[in-house]
């Protein structure tokens, strides 16, 4: 997924890939993500979560300070 949808950077003849941004992922179709090995359901979740992040429905900064139990209680 990273090589297919992430931005590439070449440094000293080595190519590095960034994880795709929520903006990039939100524009994909389920079949795009299925082509790189995700199940239909996982593709739906990745696209949906990406859209939620863009629409400020998920606060990634707030999640950093929460433990798993807090995240589950707030979902």
N, C-alpha and C. Protein backbone atom coordinates (compact mmCIF):
# COMPACT_ATOMS: atom_id res chain seq x y z
N UNK A 1 0.83 -1.18 0.00
CA UNK A 1 0.00 0.00 0.00
C UNK A 1 0.88 1.25 0.00
N UNK A 2 1.95 1.22 0.77
CA UNK A 2 2.81 2.40 0.88
C UNK A 2 3.48 2.70 -0.46
N UNK A 3 4.02 1.67 -1.12
CA UNK A 3 4.68 1.89 -2.40
C UNK A 3 3.69 2.31 -3.48
N UNK A 4 2.47 1.81 -3.40
CA UNK A 4 1.48 2.10 -4.42
C UNK A 4 0.86 3.48 -4.27
N UNK A 5 0.56 3.87 -3.03
CA UNK A 5 -0.20 5.11 -2.81
C UNK A 5 0.57 6.20 -2.07
N UNK A 6 1.72 5.86 -1.50
CA UNK A 6 2.50 6.86 -0.75
C UNK A 6 3.45 7.62 -1.65
N UNK A 7 3.87 8.78 -1.20
CA UNK A 7 4.85 9.58 -1.94
C UNK A 7 6.23 8.96 -1.79
N UNK A 8 7.01 9.00 -2.86
CA UNK A 8 8.35 8.44 -2.86
C UNK A 8 9.39 9.56 -2.74
N UNK A 9 10.48 9.24 -2.04
CA UNK A 9 11.61 10.15 -1.90
C UNK A 9 12.87 9.34 -2.12
N UNK A 10 13.71 9.79 -3.04
CA UNK A 10 14.96 9.08 -3.28
C UNK A 10 16.09 9.86 -2.63
N UNK A 11 16.90 9.14 -1.88
CA UNK A 11 18.03 9.74 -1.17
C UNK A 11 19.20 8.76 -1.23
N UNK A 12 20.30 9.20 -1.76
CA UNK A 12 21.49 8.34 -1.91
C UNK A 12 21.16 7.04 -2.63
N UNK A 13 20.40 7.14 -3.71
CA UNK A 13 20.02 6.00 -4.53
C UNK A 13 19.14 4.98 -3.81
N UNK A 14 18.52 5.38 -2.72
CA UNK A 14 17.57 4.53 -2.00
C UNK A 14 16.23 5.24 -2.02
N UNK A 15 15.19 4.49 -2.37
CA UNK A 15 13.86 5.07 -2.42
C UNK A 15 13.13 4.77 -1.11
N UNK A 16 12.61 5.82 -0.51
CA UNK A 16 11.82 5.72 0.71
C UNK A 16 10.39 6.12 0.38
N UNK A 17 9.44 5.53 1.08
CA UNK A 17 8.03 5.82 0.83
C UNK A 17 7.36 6.30 2.11
N UNK A 18 6.56 7.33 1.97
CA UNK A 18 5.76 7.83 3.09
C UNK A 18 4.42 7.11 3.09
N UNK A 19 3.86 6.92 4.28
CA UNK A 19 2.52 6.33 4.35
C UNK A 19 1.55 7.30 3.68
N UNK A 20 0.61 6.80 2.91
CA UNK A 20 -0.34 7.69 2.23
C UNK A 20 -1.10 8.57 3.23
N UNK A 21 -1.37 9.79 2.83
CA UNK A 21 -2.10 10.72 3.69
C UNK A 21 -3.58 10.36 3.72
N UNK A 22 -4.30 10.84 4.73
CA UNK A 22 -5.75 10.62 4.74
C UNK A 22 -6.42 11.18 3.49
N UNK A 23 -5.91 12.29 2.98
CA UNK A 23 -6.49 12.88 1.77
C UNK A 23 -6.36 11.92 0.59
N UNK A 24 -5.20 11.30 0.45
CA UNK A 24 -4.98 10.34 -0.62
C UNK A 24 -5.87 9.12 -0.44
N UNK A 25 -5.87 8.56 0.76
CA UNK A 25 -6.63 7.34 1.02
C UNK A 25 -8.13 7.56 0.87
N UNK A 26 -8.61 8.73 1.24
CA UNK A 26 -10.05 8.98 1.18
C UNK A 26 -10.58 9.02 -0.25
N UNK A 27 -9.70 9.25 -1.22
CA UNK A 27 -10.11 9.34 -2.62
C UNK A 27 -10.08 7.98 -3.33
N UNK A 28 -9.56 6.97 -2.65
CA UNK A 28 -9.46 5.65 -3.27
C UNK A 28 -10.79 4.92 -3.25
N UNK A 29 -10.89 3.94 -4.10
CA UNK A 29 -12.04 3.05 -4.14
C UNK A 29 -11.66 1.75 -3.43
N UNK A 30 -12.66 1.01 -2.98
CA UNK A 30 -12.39 -0.27 -2.32
C UNK A 30 -11.50 -1.16 -3.17
N UNK A 31 -11.76 -1.21 -4.47
CA UNK A 31 -10.97 -2.07 -5.37
C UNK A 31 -9.50 -1.65 -5.42
N UNK A 32 -9.21 -0.36 -5.25
CA UNK A 32 -7.82 0.10 -5.23
C UNK A 32 -7.09 -0.54 -4.06
N UNK A 33 -7.71 -0.53 -2.89
CA UNK A 33 -7.07 -1.10 -1.71
C UNK A 33 -7.09 -2.62 -1.73
N UNK A 34 -8.10 -3.20 -2.33
CA UNK A 34 -8.14 -4.66 -2.46
C UNK A 34 -7.01 -5.14 -3.37
N UNK A 35 -6.61 -4.31 -4.34
CA UNK A 35 -5.54 -4.70 -5.26
C UNK A 35 -4.18 -4.79 -4.56
N UNK A 36 -4.06 -4.22 -3.38
CA UNK A 36 -2.80 -4.31 -2.62
C UNK A 36 -2.94 -5.23 -1.41
N UNK A 37 -4.03 -6.04 -1.38
CA UNK A 37 -4.12 -7.09 -0.38
C UNK A 37 -5.11 -6.88 0.75
N UNK A 38 -5.78 -5.75 0.82
CA UNK A 38 -6.75 -5.55 1.89
C UNK A 38 -8.06 -6.25 1.56
N UNK A 39 -8.73 -6.73 2.59
CA UNK A 39 -10.05 -7.31 2.39
C UNK A 39 -11.04 -6.18 2.09
N UNK A 40 -12.21 -6.55 1.60
CA UNK A 40 -13.23 -5.55 1.30
C UNK A 40 -13.55 -4.73 2.55
N UNK A 41 -13.75 -5.40 3.68
CA UNK A 41 -14.11 -4.72 4.92
C UNK A 41 -12.99 -3.79 5.39
N UNK A 42 -11.74 -4.26 5.34
CA UNK A 42 -10.62 -3.41 5.76
C UNK A 42 -10.49 -2.19 4.85
N UNK A 43 -10.72 -2.38 3.56
CA UNK A 43 -10.67 -1.25 2.62
C UNK A 43 -11.73 -0.22 2.99
N UNK A 44 -12.93 -0.69 3.32
CA UNK A 44 -13.99 0.23 3.75
C UNK A 44 -13.58 1.01 4.99
N UNK A 45 -12.98 0.32 5.96
CA UNK A 45 -12.56 0.97 7.20
C UNK A 45 -11.48 2.01 6.95
N UNK A 46 -10.50 1.68 6.12
CA UNK A 46 -9.41 2.62 5.83
C UNK A 46 -9.95 3.88 5.15
N UNK A 47 -10.80 3.69 4.18
CA UNK A 47 -11.37 4.84 3.47
C UNK A 47 -12.27 5.65 4.40
N UNK A 48 -13.11 4.98 5.16
CA UNK A 48 -14.01 5.67 6.09
C UNK A 48 -13.25 6.43 7.16
N UNK A 49 -12.23 5.81 7.75
CA UNK A 49 -11.44 6.48 8.77
C UNK A 49 -10.71 7.68 8.19
N UNK A 50 -10.19 7.53 6.98
CA UNK A 50 -9.52 8.66 6.33
C UNK A 50 -10.46 9.84 6.14
N UNK A 51 -11.67 9.56 5.72
CA UNK A 51 -12.67 10.62 5.56
C UNK A 51 -13.01 11.26 6.90
N UNK A 52 -13.13 10.45 7.95
CA UNK A 52 -13.41 10.99 9.29
C UNK A 52 -12.28 11.89 9.77
N UNK A 53 -11.05 11.52 9.49
CA UNK A 53 -9.90 12.35 9.88
C UNK A 53 -9.96 13.69 9.14
N UNK A 54 -10.21 13.67 7.86
CA UNK A 54 -10.29 14.90 7.06
C UNK A 54 -11.41 15.81 7.57
N UNK A 55 -12.53 15.22 7.96
CA UNK A 55 -13.69 15.99 8.42
C UNK A 55 -13.64 16.32 9.90
N UNK A 56 -12.47 16.11 10.52
CA UNK A 56 -12.25 16.41 11.94
C UNK A 56 -13.19 15.65 12.87
N UNK A 57 -13.63 14.48 12.44
CA UNK A 57 -14.45 13.63 13.29
C UNK A 57 -13.60 12.71 14.14
N UNK A 58 -12.32 12.59 13.79
CA UNK A 58 -11.35 11.83 14.57
C UNK A 58 -10.17 12.75 14.83
N UNK A 59 -9.81 12.91 16.09
CA UNK A 59 -8.71 13.77 16.48
C UNK A 59 -7.48 12.91 16.78
N UNK A 60 -6.57 12.84 15.82
CA UNK A 60 -5.39 11.99 15.99
C UNK A 60 -4.51 12.45 17.14
N UNK A 61 -4.42 13.74 17.36
CA UNK A 61 -3.60 14.25 18.47
C UNK A 61 -4.18 13.81 19.81
N UNK A 62 -5.49 13.84 19.94
CA UNK A 62 -6.11 13.41 21.19
C UNK A 62 -5.89 11.91 21.42
N UNK A 63 -5.90 11.14 20.35
CA UNK A 63 -5.70 9.69 20.48
C UNK A 63 -4.32 9.34 21.02
N UNK A 64 -3.34 10.17 20.72
CA UNK A 64 -1.97 9.91 21.18
C UNK A 64 -1.88 9.85 22.70
N UNK A 65 -2.70 10.62 23.37
CA UNK A 65 -2.60 10.69 24.84
C UNK A 65 -3.57 9.73 25.53
N UNK A 66 -4.35 8.96 24.78
CA UNK A 66 -5.32 8.03 25.36
C UNK A 66 -4.78 6.61 25.37
N UNK A 67 -5.18 5.85 26.38
CA UNK A 67 -4.86 4.43 26.34
C UNK A 67 -5.98 3.70 25.59
N UNK A 68 -5.77 2.44 25.32
CA UNK A 68 -6.71 1.68 24.50
C UNK A 68 -8.12 1.70 25.06
N UNK A 69 -8.25 1.56 26.37
CA UNK A 69 -9.57 1.55 26.99
C UNK A 69 -10.32 2.86 26.77
N UNK A 70 -9.60 3.98 26.91
CA UNK A 70 -10.22 5.29 26.68
C UNK A 70 -10.68 5.44 25.23
N UNK A 71 -9.86 4.97 24.31
CA UNK A 71 -10.23 5.06 22.90
C UNK A 71 -11.49 4.26 22.62
N UNK A 72 -11.54 3.05 23.14
CA UNK A 72 -12.69 2.19 22.92
C UNK A 72 -13.96 2.77 23.54
N UNK A 73 -13.84 3.42 24.70
CA UNK A 73 -14.99 4.01 25.35
C UNK A 73 -15.52 5.23 24.59
N UNK A 74 -14.64 5.91 23.85
CA UNK A 74 -15.02 7.11 23.11
C UNK A 74 -15.37 6.85 21.65
N UNK A 75 -15.38 5.59 21.26
CA UNK A 75 -15.66 5.31 19.85
C UNK A 75 -17.12 4.98 19.62
